[in-house]
């Protein structure tokens, strides 16, 4: 019986040593979620205002429209021309049609939505971070941020059939919750 317990203890010890980096990484992930993850609102964001596209890709002018209560998005294309983009709702459940008009400089843009992503945070094991940030264009002040983390419990290429093992901060609720927090549904 004593020999069996020693062997069992050795097996248990080897498993703990083998998976120690994963165990440590998971607890670091939980710390990041509780300290930095989630939605934070630092200022008021008014609905039905003009927004500025963060880049010159068509995806950059489409992203702010996910907030629904956006009047227009000012967009600069790769040639340097400015446009005001408006979303025309579609009858089918798909993306709206986007209408580009020459920029009306008399209309003010108030906000900009920026997306940041860090793959493999420095000093951490298989931990990724991404965030959506809303800034005031005039003051360059952060008004709201939604931050989430993803931890890969195992290296995907070393698992059976390359099975994914990622977990994210549960309490964040993703972009949908961020949108509902910034512009709550009207009653």
Protein backbone atom coordinates (compact mmCIF):
# COMPACT_ATOMS: atom_id res chain seq x y z
CA UNK A 1 0.00 0.00 0.00
CA UNK A 2 2.86 2.33 0.86
CA UNK A 3 4.54 1.72 -2.50
CA UNK A 4 1.29 2.46 -4.31
CA UNK A 5 0.92 5.82 -2.50
CA UNK A 6 4.53 6.75 -3.36
CA UNK A 7 3.95 5.93 -7.03
CA UNK A 8 0.67 7.86 -7.01
CA UNK A 9 2.41 10.82 -5.37
CA UNK A 10 5.20 10.72 -7.97
CA UNK A 11 2.72 10.62 -10.84
CA UNK A 12 0.77 13.51 -9.33
CA UNK A 13 4.00 15.49 -8.82
CA UNK A 14 5.14 14.93 -12.42
CA UNK A 15 1.74 16.05 -13.75
CA UNK A 16 1.85 19.22 -11.61
CA UNK A 17 5.41 20.01 -12.74
CA UNK A 18 4.52 19.31 -16.39
CA UNK A 19 1.43 21.59 -16.32
CA UNK A 20 2.81 24.23 -13.91
CA UNK A 21 3.25 26.92 -16.61
CA UNK A 22 -0.39 26.39 -17.68
CA UNK A 23 -1.64 26.61 -14.09
CA UNK A 24 0.41 29.75 -13.47
CA UNK A 25 -0.75 31.28 -16.77
CA UNK A 26 -4.40 30.67 -15.93
CA UNK A 27 -4.10 32.48 -12.61
CA UNK A 28 -2.28 35.40 -14.29
CA UNK A 29 -5.12 35.51 -16.83
CA UNK A 30 -7.69 35.69 -14.01
CA UNK A 31 -5.71 38.56 -12.44
CA UNK A 32 -5.69 40.50 -15.72
CA UNK A 33 -9.45 39.95 -16.12
CA UNK A 34 -10.25 41.27 -12.65
CA UNK A 35 -7.81 44.22 -12.74
CA UNK A 36 -7.97 45.47 -16.34
CA UNK A 37 -10.80 43.62 -18.06
CA UNK A 38 -14.34 44.82 -18.53
CA UNK A 39 -16.13 47.99 -19.52
CA UNK A 40 -15.23 51.35 -18.07
CA UNK A 41 -17.06 54.59 -18.80
CA UNK A 42 -15.13 57.81 -18.08
CA UNK A 43 -17.34 60.42 -19.72
CA UNK A 44 -20.65 61.03 -21.45
CA UNK A 45 -21.08 59.90 -25.05
CA UNK A 46 -23.97 61.63 -26.76
CA UNK A 47 -26.07 59.69 -29.28
CA UNK A 48 -26.64 60.80 -32.89
CA UNK A 49 -23.32 62.61 -33.29
CA UNK A 50 -20.60 62.53 -35.91
CA UNK A 51 -17.70 60.09 -35.51
CA UNK A 52 -14.25 60.00 -37.10
CA UNK A 53 -12.99 56.82 -38.78
CA UNK A 54 -9.78 55.59 -37.15
CA UNK A 55 -8.13 54.65 -40.46
CA UNK A 56 -8.58 54.67 -44.22
CA UNK A 57 -9.96 51.15 -44.65
CA UNK A 58 -13.70 50.68 -45.36
CA UNK A 59 -13.87 48.56 -42.18
CA UNK A 60 -12.79 51.63 -40.20
CA UNK A 61 -15.86 53.64 -41.20
CA UNK A 62 -18.22 50.68 -40.72
CA UNK A 63 -17.15 49.90 -37.14
CA UNK A 64 -18.71 52.96 -35.39
CA UNK A 65 -22.08 52.18 -36.97
CA UNK A 66 -22.28 49.08 -34.76
CA UNK A 67 -23.30 51.52 -32.00
CA UNK A 68 -26.52 52.21 -33.99
CA UNK A 69 -26.96 55.79 -32.69
CA UNK A 70 -24.33 57.36 -34.97
CA UNK A 71 -25.31 60.28 -37.23
CA UNK A 72 -22.41 59.86 -39.68
CA UNK A 73 -18.76 58.86 -39.84
CA UNK A 74 -16.11 61.14 -41.35
CA UNK A 75 -13.73 59.04 -43.41
CA UNK A 76 -10.51 59.82 -45.26
CA UNK A 77 -9.72 57.41 -48.08
CA UNK A 78 -6.26 56.41 -49.28
CA UNK A 79 -6.13 59.30 -51.76
CA UNK A 80 -6.70 61.82 -48.94
CA UNK A 81 -10.27 62.78 -49.85
CA UNK A 82 -12.74 63.22 -46.97
CA UNK A 83 -16.25 61.78 -46.99
CA UNK A 84 -19.18 61.72 -44.61
CA UNK A 85 -20.55 58.19 -44.52
CA UNK A 86 -24.17 57.49 -43.68
CA UNK A 87 -25.77 54.11 -42.99
CA UNK A 88 -29.01 53.28 -44.77
CA UNK A 89 -30.82 50.40 -43.04
CA UNK A 90 -31.48 47.29 -45.08
CA UNK A 91 -34.70 45.31 -45.02
CA UNK A 92 -32.73 42.08 -44.86
CA UNK A 93 -30.81 41.18 -41.68
CA UNK A 94 -27.41 42.15 -42.99
CA UNK A 95 -25.10 45.13 -42.91
CA UNK A 96 -26.64 48.45 -43.91
CA UNK A 97 -25.85 50.14 -47.20
CA UNK A 98 -23.20 52.80 -46.76
CA UNK A 99 -23.61 56.10 -48.58
CA UNK A 100 -20.47 58.20 -49.07
CA UNK A 101 -20.92 61.93 -49.61
CA UNK A 102 -18.29 64.68 -49.80
CA UNK A 103 -17.45 65.82 -46.26
CA UNK A 104 -19.56 68.68 -44.94
CA UNK A 105 -17.02 70.57 -42.81
CA UNK A 106 -19.84 72.46 -41.06
CA UNK A 107 -20.80 69.17 -39.33
CA UNK A 108 -18.72 68.40 -36.27
CA UNK A 109 -17.22 65.02 -35.46
CA UNK A 110 -17.09 64.33 -31.74
CA UNK A 111 -15.82 60.79 -31.24
CA UNK A 112 -13.39 58.23 -32.61
CA UNK A 113 -13.48 54.46 -32.01
CA UNK A 114 -10.07 52.78 -31.85
CA UNK A 115 -9.34 49.08 -31.76
CA UNK A 116 -6.15 47.82 -30.12
CA UNK A 117 -4.86 44.27 -30.09
CA UNK A 118 -1.78 42.77 -28.46
CA UNK A 119 -1.04 39.17 -29.34
CA UNK A 120 1.10 37.41 -26.73
CA UNK A 121 1.50 40.00 -23.99
CA UNK A 122 5.17 40.47 -23.08
CA UNK A 123 6.24 38.22 -20.23
CA UNK A 124 3.03 36.18 -20.33
CA UNK A 125 2.32 32.71 -21.69
CA UNK A 126 -0.25 32.59 -24.55
CA UNK A 127 -2.15 35.64 -23.26
CA UNK A 128 -3.74 38.09 -25.71
CA UNK A 129 -5.42 41.44 -25.06
CA UNK A 130 -7.74 43.56 -27.15
CA UNK A 131 -9.78 46.65 -26.49
CA UNK A 132 -12.23 49.07 -28.07
CA UNK A 133 -11.68 52.66 -26.97
CA UNK A 134 -13.85 55.70 -27.57
CA UNK A 135 -12.06 59.05 -27.50
CA UNK A 136 -13.31 62.61 -27.69
CA UNK A 137 -11.85 64.03 -30.92
CA UNK A 138 -11.58 67.61 -29.63
CA UNK A 139 -9.98 66.86 -26.25
CA UNK A 140 -8.28 63.53 -27.12
CA UNK A 141 -9.77 62.23 -23.88
CA UNK A 142 -10.66 58.57 -23.28
CA UNK A 143 -14.42 58.35 -22.68
CA UNK A 144 -15.06 54.59 -22.65
CA UNK A 145 -13.12 51.36 -23.03
CA UNK A 146 -13.97 47.68 -23.29
CA UNK A 147 -11.00 45.41 -22.59
CA UNK A 148 -10.92 41.64 -22.89
CA UNK A 149 -8.26 38.96 -22.56
CA UNK A 150 -7.92 35.52 -24.11
CA UNK A 151 -5.77 32.80 -22.62
CA UNK A 152 -4.80 29.74 -24.63
CA UNK A 153 -4.59 26.96 -22.03
CA UNK A 154 -2.50 24.77 -24.32
CA UNK A 155 -0.47 25.31 -27.46
CA UNK A 156 -2.99 24.57 -30.17
CA UNK A 157 -0.53 22.91 -32.53
CA UNK A 158 0.39 20.42 -29.79
CA UNK A 159 -3.17 19.28 -29.03
CA UNK A 160 -5.10 16.43 -30.59
CA UNK A 161 -6.54 17.64 -33.93
CA UNK A 162 -5.28 21.16 -33.09
CA UNK A 163 -8.19 21.65 -30.71
CA UNK A 164 -8.58 25.24 -29.53
CA UNK A 165 -8.35 25.78 -25.77
CA UNK A 166 -8.92 29.52 -25.44
CA UNK A 167 -10.86 31.10 -22.60
CA UNK A 168 -11.91 34.73 -22.27
CA UNK A 169 -12.99 36.93 -19.38
CA UNK A 170 -16.63 35.93 -18.82
CA UNK A 171 -17.85 39.10 -17.16
CA UNK A 172 -16.97 41.38 -20.08
CA UNK A 173 -19.80 40.38 -22.39
CA UNK A 174 -17.89 41.44 -25.49
CA UNK A 175 -18.62 44.21 -27.95
CA UNK A 176 -22.40 43.74 -27.75
CA UNK A 177 -22.44 44.56 -24.06
CA UNK A 178 -20.12 47.53 -24.69
CA UNK A 179 -22.57 48.89 -27.29
CA UNK A 180 -25.54 48.44 -24.94
CA UNK A 181 -23.60 50.14 -22.12
CA UNK A 182 -22.58 53.17 -24.19
CA UNK A 183 -26.07 53.69 -25.68
CA UNK A 184 -28.63 51.89 -23.49
CA UNK A 185 -31.82 50.80 -25.25
CA UNK A 186 -34.53 53.41 -25.00
CA UNK A 187 -37.59 52.55 -22.95
